[in-house]
N, C-alpha and C. Protein backbone atom coordinates (compact mmCIF):
# COMPACT_ATOMS: atom_id res chain seq x y z
N MET A 1 13.45 91.16 53.65
CA MET A 1 14.56 90.35 54.15
C MET A 1 15.90 90.91 53.69
N THR A 2 16.90 90.72 54.50
CA THR A 2 18.23 91.21 54.12
C THR A 2 19.21 90.07 54.09
N LYS A 3 20.21 90.19 53.21
CA LYS A 3 21.20 89.12 53.08
C LYS A 3 22.45 89.47 53.87
N GLN A 4 22.77 88.63 54.85
CA GLN A 4 23.96 88.88 55.66
C GLN A 4 24.88 87.68 55.62
N GLY A 5 26.06 87.85 55.02
CA GLY A 5 27.02 86.75 54.98
C GLY A 5 26.48 85.55 54.24
N GLY A 6 25.64 85.80 53.23
CA GLY A 6 25.11 84.69 52.44
C GLY A 6 23.91 84.03 53.09
N ILE A 7 23.42 84.63 54.19
CA ILE A 7 22.26 84.06 54.87
C ILE A 7 21.11 85.07 54.87
N TRP A 8 19.94 84.62 54.43
CA TRP A 8 18.78 85.52 54.39
C TRP A 8 18.13 85.59 55.76
N THR A 9 17.94 86.82 56.23
CA THR A 9 17.27 86.98 57.52
C THR A 9 16.07 87.92 57.35
N ASP A 10 15.06 87.74 58.18
CA ASP A 10 13.89 88.61 58.06
C ASP A 10 14.20 89.98 58.65
N ALA A 11 13.21 90.84 58.69
CA ALA A 11 13.42 92.21 59.15
C ALA A 11 14.03 92.23 60.55
N GLY A 12 13.55 91.34 61.41
CA GLY A 12 14.05 91.29 62.79
C GLY A 12 15.42 90.65 62.85
N GLY A 13 15.68 89.76 61.93
CA GLY A 13 16.98 89.09 61.89
C GLY A 13 17.11 88.05 62.99
N HIS A 14 15.98 87.66 63.58
CA HIS A 14 16.06 86.70 64.69
C HIS A 14 15.98 85.26 64.19
N GLU A 15 15.56 85.09 62.93
CA GLU A 15 15.46 83.73 62.41
C GLU A 15 16.15 83.62 61.05
N PRO A 16 17.46 83.38 61.07
CA PRO A 16 18.22 83.24 59.82
C PRO A 16 17.83 81.98 59.07
N ARG A 17 17.72 82.08 57.76
CA ARG A 17 17.41 80.91 56.95
C ARG A 17 18.40 80.84 55.79
N PRO A 18 18.79 79.64 55.39
CA PRO A 18 19.79 79.45 54.33
C PRO A 18 19.35 80.14 53.05
N ALA A 19 20.28 80.81 52.41
CA ALA A 19 19.97 81.50 51.16
C ALA A 19 19.77 80.50 50.03
N PRO A 20 19.00 80.88 49.01
CA PRO A 20 18.78 80.01 47.86
C PRO A 20 20.09 79.77 47.13
N PRO A 21 20.26 78.62 46.49
CA PRO A 21 21.50 78.30 45.78
C PRO A 21 21.78 79.32 44.69
N GLN A 22 22.92 79.97 44.77
CA GLN A 22 23.28 80.96 43.76
C GLN A 22 24.80 80.99 43.60
N PRO A 23 25.28 81.26 42.38
CA PRO A 23 26.72 81.26 42.11
C PRO A 23 27.42 82.38 42.86
N GLU A 24 28.57 82.08 43.46
CA GLU A 24 29.33 83.10 44.16
C GLU A 24 30.27 83.79 43.19
N PRO A 25 30.59 85.06 43.47
CA PRO A 25 31.47 85.82 42.58
C PRO A 25 32.84 85.14 42.42
N SER A 26 33.33 84.54 43.51
CA SER A 26 34.66 83.93 43.48
C SER A 26 34.62 82.60 42.73
N GLN A 27 33.50 81.90 42.83
CA GLN A 27 33.40 80.60 42.15
C GLN A 27 32.09 80.50 41.36
N PRO A 28 32.13 80.85 40.08
CA PRO A 28 30.95 80.75 39.22
C PRO A 28 30.49 79.31 39.08
N GLU A 29 29.18 79.10 38.97
CA GLU A 29 28.65 77.74 38.89
C GLU A 29 29.08 77.05 37.61
N SER A 30 29.30 77.85 36.55
CA SER A 30 29.73 77.27 35.28
C SER A 30 31.01 77.95 34.79
N PRO A 31 32.16 77.43 35.21
CA PRO A 31 33.44 77.98 34.74
C PRO A 31 33.57 77.84 33.24
N GLN A 32 33.87 78.94 32.55
CA GLN A 32 33.93 78.88 31.09
C GLN A 32 35.33 78.49 30.63
N PRO A 33 35.44 77.48 29.79
CA PRO A 33 36.72 77.04 29.24
C PRO A 33 37.34 78.16 28.40
N GLN A 34 38.64 78.37 28.54
CA GLN A 34 39.29 79.47 27.85
C GLN A 34 39.46 79.17 26.37
N GLU A 35 39.33 77.90 25.99
CA GLU A 35 39.55 77.54 24.59
C GLU A 35 38.38 77.94 23.70
N THR A 36 37.30 78.46 24.31
CA THR A 36 36.16 78.91 23.50
C THR A 36 36.56 80.16 22.71
N GLY A 37 37.37 81.01 23.32
CA GLY A 37 37.84 82.20 22.60
C GLY A 37 36.79 83.30 22.62
N SER A 38 35.67 83.07 23.32
CA SER A 38 34.62 84.08 23.36
C SER A 38 35.09 85.28 24.19
N GLN A 39 35.97 85.01 25.16
CA GLN A 39 36.49 86.11 25.99
C GLN A 39 37.99 86.25 25.76
N GLY A 40 38.36 87.18 24.91
CA GLY A 40 39.78 87.35 24.58
C GLY A 40 40.47 88.32 25.52
N ASP A 41 39.71 88.83 26.50
CA ASP A 41 40.29 89.79 27.43
C ASP A 41 41.27 89.14 28.38
N ASP A 42 41.25 87.82 28.43
CA ASP A 42 42.11 87.09 29.35
C ASP A 42 43.57 87.36 28.99
């Protein structure tokens, strides 16, 4: 199966099915508070 636009399709691509829930690069599922100080690169 290949992932196209966040949608998983089979080899033929004729039957698209919703992709499993996964965090997007733009919006992480768990935003880390900056006050932790674990990431000082900010």
